[in-house]
Amino acid sequence: MKNPFRYFNSSPEIIRLTVMMYIRYPLSLRQVEDLLFERGIDICHETARLW
């Protein structure tokens, strides 16, 4: 089985956390970006949109 995260520069854990927050809670991608930034994870909302 091929790695589904092979084209992304971020770690799979960050991608999973971002997607989980976006799907599980009624948040916009910018709100998810702000929450991750508060946890010390710096991504732009364009990156989250690509995921």
Protein backbone atom coordinates (compact mmCIF):
# COMPACT_ATOMS: atom_id res chain seq x y z
CA MET A 1 0.00 0.00 0.00
CA LYS A 2 1.37 3.40 -0.99
CA ASN A 3 1.74 6.21 1.51
CA PRO A 4 -1.18 8.66 1.02
CA PHE A 5 0.89 11.49 2.58
CA ARG A 6 3.87 11.23 0.22
CA TYR A 7 3.11 14.50 -1.61
CA PHE A 8 2.78 16.67 1.51
CA ASN A 9 5.59 18.42 3.37
CA SER A 10 3.86 18.17 6.77
CA SER A 11 3.91 15.12 8.97
CA PRO A 12 0.99 12.66 8.82
CA GLU A 13 0.12 13.42 12.45
CA ILE A 14 -0.39 17.13 11.67
CA ILE A 15 -2.51 16.31 8.63
CA ARG A 16 -4.68 13.88 10.61
CA LEU A 17 -5.14 16.39 13.45
CA THR A 18 -6.13 19.16 11.03
CA VAL A 19 -8.62 17.02 9.15
CA MET A 20 -10.07 15.62 12.38
CA MET A 21 -10.62 19.13 13.80
CA TYR A 22 -12.21 20.37 10.58
CA ILE A 23 -14.59 17.41 10.25
CA ARG A 24 -15.46 16.81 13.89
CA TYR A 25 -16.15 20.42 14.92
CA PRO A 26 -18.01 23.16 13.03
CA LEU A 27 -14.85 25.18 12.34
CA SER A 28 -13.59 27.04 9.32
CA LEU A 29 -10.13 26.31 8.00
CA ARG A 30 -8.92 29.65 9.38
CA GLN A 31 -10.20 28.71 12.84
CA VAL A 32 -8.40 25.37 12.60
CA GLU A 33 -5.25 27.25 11.57
CA ASP A 34 -5.59 29.51 14.65
CA LEU A 35 -6.10 26.54 16.99
CA LEU A 36 -3.06 24.75 15.60
CA PHE A 37 -0.99 27.94 15.88
CA GLU A 38 -1.90 28.15 19.58
CA ARG A 39 -0.52 24.60 19.93
CA GLY A 40 2.73 25.62 18.24
CA ILE A 41 1.94 24.24 14.78
CA ASP A 42 2.34 26.90 12.09
CA ILE A 43 0.47 26.20 8.84
CA CYS A 44 -1.38 28.48 6.46
CA HIS A 45 -5.06 27.93 5.70
CA GLU A 46 -4.18 27.31 2.03
CA THR A 47 -2.19 24.26 3.13
CA ALA A 48 -5.13 23.01 5.20
CA ARG A 49 -7.44 23.57 2.24
CA LEU A 50 -5.24 21.34 0.06
CA TRP A 51 -5.51 18.51 2.59
